[in-house]
Every structure is written in C-alpha cells, then in structure tokens.
Amino acid sequence: MRRILVPVDGSDNALRAVRYAASLAKELPDVQLELLNVQDPLPNHVRAVLSESDIARWQSGYSSLVLEPATQILDASHVPYRVGSRVGSPANEISQQVHDRECDAIIMGTRGLGSLASLVIGSVATKTIHMAKVPVTLIK
C-alpha cells in the first residue's frame, strides 16, 4: 500500500489538497492517505502555567478541530486514511512524519504568507520541498 501524507492546517488551500488527494485515492485503490496537523510549540510563558497533561489535552483538542473538515471530506469520499498530529516546526515535523510512516509522497496546500519567496508558494511548503525525500505536490 502506498501512503500519501496530507498536512492540514485548517486553511482553504489545505482542504483543496485533501480534496485532490481524495480524488487521487479513489482512482488508485492501493493508496492510504495520512492526514497530519502540526502545531507550533506553546511559548514558555504559557507552558509555565499549564501542566503537561493540560497542554497535551489542549493540543489534541485543537488538532481534532483543525482536522475535522478534512476527515469529513475523506469520510464522504470513502477513501482510507489515518490521522496524526505533531508539535514542532511544521516542515521539520512533516519531513519526520514522512520518514516515520514511510510515506511515498506529500500532497499539500500552499499559502502566501511570509517573505517574498513565500508569497508564491508559502514558507512551510518551500521548506518542505527542500527537506522532503519524497515527491511533493502543491495545491493552490
């Protein structure tokens, strides 16, 4: 079975990537989609007032909220998928998830935030392209 990682951050572009991945998975029955939400670590001043269990509970709940529209799309499409979440630098965590789950490709949305280079495809997408050891398909 081939695995395709689809990072989801809640943006419209990420949901377009989920829809594209779903259509691809319907055409290729040996594909499983791997949804991933990556959250930035909480600042130290916030971590200082919350317990580790409170932080984990909040991150899990927020991740579920962000992933919900994507899982609804995939449920409606009847394609197999797995859901995951990580905390850290998004491009680093996406690359690590590809390695850990032995993914064969990445399909991700682009975002026009950040520096001049990022205006075209987005800073996370740019970093992921450079870090990934698998093909990356960008969805605008």
C-alpha atoms as a PDB file:
ATOM      1  CA  MET A   1       0.000   0.000   0.000  1.00  0.00           C
ATOM      2  CA  ARG A   2       1.272   3.444  -0.873  1.00  0.00           C
ATOM      3  CA  ARG A   3       0.955   6.198   1.714  1.00  0.00           C
ATOM      4  CA  ILE A   4       0.435   9.847   0.845  1.00  0.00           C
ATOM      5  CA  LEU A   5       0.901  12.435   3.580  1.00  0.00           C
ATOM      6  CA  VAL A   6      -1.522  15.375   3.513  1.00  0.00           C
ATOM      7  CA  PRO A   7      -0.624  18.114   6.016  1.00  0.00           C
ATOM      8  CA  VAL A   8      -3.702  20.003   7.235  1.00  0.00           C
ATOM      9  CA  ASP A   9      -3.554  23.410   8.907  1.00  0.00           C
ATOM     10  CA  GLY A  10      -7.202  24.420   8.534  1.00  0.00           C
ATOM     11  CA  SER A  11      -6.628  26.681   5.537  1.00  0.00           C
ATOM     12  CA  ASP A  12      -8.730  26.610   2.377  1.00  0.00           C
ATOM     13  CA  ASN A  13      -5.660  25.531   0.406  1.00  0.00           C
ATOM     14  CA  ALA A  14      -5.095  22.583   2.735  1.00  0.00           C
ATOM     15  CA  LEU A  15      -8.692  21.466   2.235  1.00  0.00           C
ATOM     16  CA  ARG A  16      -8.245  21.746  -1.539  1.00  0.00           C
ATOM     17  CA  ALA A  17      -5.226  19.460  -1.143  1.00  0.00           C
ATOM     18  CA  VAL A  18      -7.380  16.995   0.830  1.00  0.00           C
ATOM     19  CA  ARG A  19      -9.998  17.007  -1.937  1.00  0.00           C
ATOM     20  CA  TYR A  20      -7.321  16.444  -4.577  1.00  0.00           C
ATOM     21  CA  ALA A  21      -5.763  13.628  -2.545  1.00  0.00           C
ATOM     22  CA  ALA A  22      -9.196  12.044  -2.076  1.00  0.00           C
ATOM     23  CA  SER A  23      -9.848  12.074  -5.819  1.00  0.00           C
ATOM     24  CA  LEU A  24      -6.441  10.507  -6.418  1.00  0.00           C
ATOM     25  CA  ALA A  25      -7.026   7.855  -3.753  1.00  0.00           C
ATOM     26  CA  LYS A  26     -10.355   6.940  -5.345  1.00  0.00           C
ATOM     27  CA  GLU A  27      -8.574   6.301  -8.658  1.00  0.00           C
ATOM     28  CA  LEU A  28      -5.724   4.337  -7.060  1.00  0.00           C
ATOM     29  CA  PRO A  29      -7.149   1.741  -4.672  1.00  0.00           C
ATOM     30  CA  ASP A  30      -3.785   0.872  -3.097  1.00  0.00           C
ATOM     31  CA  VAL A  31      -3.386   4.363  -1.589  1.00  0.00           C
ATOM     32  CA  GLN A  32      -3.889   5.318   2.040  1.00  0.00           C
ATOM     33  CA  LEU A  33      -3.942   8.981   2.989  1.00  0.00           C
ATOM     34  CA  GLU A  34      -2.161  10.164   6.116  1.00  0.00           C
ATOM     35  CA  LEU A  35      -3.600  13.419   7.468  1.00  0.00           C
ATOM     36  CA  LEU A  36      -1.250  15.388   9.697  1.00  0.00           C
ATOM     37  CA  ASN A  37      -1.786  18.503  11.753  1.00  0.00           C
ATOM     38  CA  VAL A  38       1.368  20.172  13.089  1.00  0.00           C
ATOM     39  CA  GLN A  39       1.128  22.734  15.850  1.00  0.00           C
ATOM     40  CA  ASP A  40       3.772  25.171  16.934  1.00  0.00           C
ATOM     41  CA  PRO A  41       5.019  24.589  20.477  1.00  0.00           C
ATOM     42  CA  LEU A  42       3.423  26.826  23.082  1.00  0.00           C
ATOM     43  CA  PRO A  43       5.579  29.719  24.316  1.00  0.00           C
ATOM     44  CA  ASN A  44       7.487  29.104  27.559  1.00  0.00           C
ATOM     45  CA  HIS A  45       5.419  31.670  29.497  1.00  0.00           C
ATOM     46  CA  VAL A  46       2.271  29.694  28.648  1.00  0.00           C
ATOM     47  CA  ARG A  47       3.912  26.341  29.390  1.00  0.00           C
ATOM     48  CA  ALA A  48       4.946  27.672  32.798  1.00  0.00           C
ATOM     49  CA  VAL A  49       1.334  27.986  33.968  1.00  0.00           C
ATOM     50  CA  LEU A  50      -0.115  24.803  32.456  1.00  0.00           C
ATOM     51  CA  SER A  51       0.550  21.182  33.319  1.00  0.00           C
ATOM     52  CA  GLU A  52       1.870  18.828  30.641  1.00  0.00           C
ATOM     53  CA  SER A  53      -1.455  16.974  30.663  1.00  0.00           C
ATOM     54  CA  ASP A  54      -3.384  20.241  30.163  1.00  0.00           C
ATOM     55  CA  ILE A  55      -1.100  21.151  27.263  1.00  0.00           C
ATOM     56  CA  ALA A  56      -1.490  17.700  25.686  1.00  0.00           C
ATOM     57  CA  ARG A  57      -5.275  17.834  26.109  1.00  0.00           C
ATOM     58  CA  TRP A  58      -5.468  21.312  24.549  1.00  0.00           C
ATOM     59  CA  GLN A  59      -3.208  20.352  21.622  1.00  0.00           C
ATOM     60  CA  SER A  60      -5.178  17.167  20.975  1.00  0.00           C
ATOM     61  CA  GLY A  61      -8.486  19.037  21.037  1.00  0.00           C
ATOM     62  CA  TYR A  62      -7.225  21.793  18.772  1.00  0.00           C
ATOM     63  CA  SER A  63      -5.746  19.272  16.344  1.00  0.00           C
ATOM     64  CA  SER A  64      -9.064  17.415  16.183  1.00  0.00           C
ATOM     65  CA  LEU A  65     -10.863  20.685  15.486  1.00  0.00           C
ATOM     66  CA  VAL A  66      -8.480  21.581  12.648  1.00  0.00           C
ATOM     67  CA  LEU A  67      -8.643  18.077  11.146  1.00  0.00           C
ATOM     68  CA  GLU A  68     -12.443  17.711  11.334  1.00  0.00           C
ATOM     69  CA  PRO A  69     -13.285  19.314   7.940  1.00  0.00           C
ATOM     70  CA  ALA A  70     -10.610  17.156   6.276  1.00  0.00           C
ATOM     71  CA  THR A  71     -11.907  13.942   7.841  1.00  0.00           C
ATOM     72  CA  GLN A  72     -15.436  14.857   6.744  1.00  0.00           C
ATOM     73  CA  ILE A  73     -14.216  15.203   3.154  1.00  0.00           C
ATOM     74  CA  LEU A  74     -12.481  11.829   3.288  1.00  0.00           C
ATOM     75  CA  ASP A  75     -15.394  10.100   5.007  1.00  0.00           C
ATOM     76  CA  ALA A  76     -17.707  11.356   2.260  1.00  0.00           C
ATOM     77  CA  SER A  77     -15.223  10.149  -0.373  1.00  0.00           C
ATOM     78  CA  HIS A  78     -14.952   6.674   1.199  1.00  0.00           C
ATOM     79  CA  VAL A  79     -11.163   6.557   0.984  1.00  0.00           C
ATOM     80  CA  PRO A  80      -8.930   5.015   3.662  1.00  0.00           C
ATOM     81  CA  TYR A  81      -6.998   7.408   5.849  1.00  0.00           C
ATOM     82  CA  ARG A  82      -5.150   7.753   9.121  1.00  0.00           C
ATOM     83  CA  VAL A  83      -4.971  10.866  11.308  1.00  0.00           C
ATOM     84  CA  GLY A  84      -1.921  12.131  13.175  1.00  0.00           C
ATOM     85  CA  SER A  85      -0.695  15.228  14.937  1.00  0.00           C
ATOM     86  CA  ARG A  86       2.689  16.534  15.966  1.00  0.00           C
ATOM     87  CA  VAL A  87       4.113  19.560  17.745  1.00  0.00           C
ATOM     88  CA  GLY A  88       7.110  21.447  16.395  1.00  0.00           C
ATOM     89  CA  SER A  89       8.306  23.253  13.303  1.00  0.00           C
ATOM     90  CA  PRO A  90       5.812  22.290  10.565  1.00  0.00           C
ATOM     91  CA  ALA A  91       8.309  21.499   7.781  1.00  0.00           C
ATOM     92  CA  ASN A  92      10.518  19.502  10.160  1.00  0.00           C
ATOM     93  CA  GLU A  93       7.578  17.548  11.551  1.00  0.00           C
ATOM     94  CA  ILE A  94       6.139  16.884   8.083  1.00  0.00           C
ATOM     95  CA  SER A  95       9.509  15.501   6.966  1.00  0.00           C
ATOM     96  CA  GLN A  96       9.799  13.394  10.109  1.00  0.00           C
ATOM     97  CA  GLN A  97       6.266  12.015   9.648  1.00  0.00           C
ATOM     98  CA  VAL A  98       7.140  11.007   6.075  1.00  0.00           C
ATOM     99  CA  HIS A  99      10.097   9.088   7.456  1.00  0.00           C
ATOM    100  CA  ASP A 100       8.288   7.577  10.468  1.00  0.00           C
ATOM    101  CA  ARG A 101       5.236   6.422   8.494  1.00  0.00           C
ATOM    102  CA  GLU A 102       7.211   5.508   5.352  1.00  0.00           C
ATOM    103  CA  CYS A 103       5.116   7.777   3.152  1.00  0.00           C
ATOM    104  CA  ASP A 104       5.694   7.737  -0.592  1.00  0.00           C
ATOM    105  CA  ALA A 105       4.591  11.297  -1.374  1.00  0.00           C
ATOM    106  CA  ILE A 106       3.213  14.538   0.064  1.00  0.00           C
ATOM    107  CA  ILE A 107       0.217  16.482  -1.201  1.00  0.00           C
ATOM    108  CA  MET A 108      -0.118  19.858   0.474  1.00  0.00           C
ATOM    109  CA  GLY A 109      -1.727  23.224   0.064  1.00  0.00           C
ATOM    110  CA  THR A 110       0.205  26.410  -0.464  1.00  0.00           C
ATOM    111  CA  ARG A 111      -0.156  29.622   1.461  1.00  0.00           C
ATOM    112  CA  GLY A 112       1.048  33.083   0.507  1.00  0.00           C
ATOM    113  CA  LEU A 113       2.333  34.214   3.900  1.00  0.00           C
ATOM    114  CA  GLY A 114       5.742  35.463   4.891  1.00  0.00           C
ATOM    115  CA  SER A 115       8.773  36.583   2.905  1.00  0.00           C
ATOM    116  CA  LEU A 116       8.955  37.437  -0.802  1.00  0.00           C
ATOM    117  CA  ALA A 117       9.857  33.838  -1.739  1.00  0.00           C
ATOM    118  CA  SER A 118       6.946  32.657   0.335  1.00  0.00           C
ATOM    119  CA  LEU A 119       4.476  34.880  -1.497  1.00  0.00           C
ATOM    120  CA  VAL A 120       4.475  32.390  -4.341  1.00  0.00           C
ATOM    121  CA  ILE A 121       4.067  29.060  -2.540  1.00  0.00           C
ATOM    122  CA  GLY A 122       4.258  29.583   1.217  1.00  0.00           C
ATOM    123  CA  SER A 123       7.093  29.225   3.699  1.00  0.00           C
ATOM    124  CA  VAL A 124       6.104  25.785   5.047  1.00  0.00           C
ATOM    125  CA  ALA A 125       5.675  24.458   1.513  1.00  0.00           C
ATOM    126  CA  THR A 126       9.043  25.920   0.478  1.00  0.00           C
ATOM    127  CA  LYS A 127      10.844  24.356   3.446  1.00  0.00           C
ATOM    128  CA  THR A 128       9.055  21.030   2.955  1.00  0.00           C
ATOM    129  CA  ILE A 129      10.124  20.847  -0.691  1.00  0.00           C
ATOM    130  CA  HIS A 130      13.738  21.305   0.370  1.00  0.00           C
ATOM    131  CA  MET A 131      13.583  18.838   3.261  1.00  0.00           C
ATOM    132  CA  ALA A 132      11.404  16.068   1.859  1.00  0.00           C
ATOM    133  CA  LYS A 133      12.962  12.937   0.414  1.00  0.00           C
ATOM    134  CA  VAL A 134       9.725  12.119  -1.463  1.00  0.00           C
ATOM    135  CA  PRO A 135       7.791  13.879  -4.228  1.00  0.00           C
ATOM    136  CA  VAL A 136       5.756  16.903  -3.108  1.00  0.00           C
ATOM    137  CA  THR A 137       2.641  18.011  -4.957  1.00  0.00           C
ATOM    138  CA  LEU A 138       1.496  21.543  -4.174  1.00  0.00           C
ATOM    139  CA  ILE A 139      -2.142  22.525  -4.485  1.00  0.00           C
ATOM    140  CA  LYS A 140      -3.052  26.176  -4.905  1.00  0.00           C
END
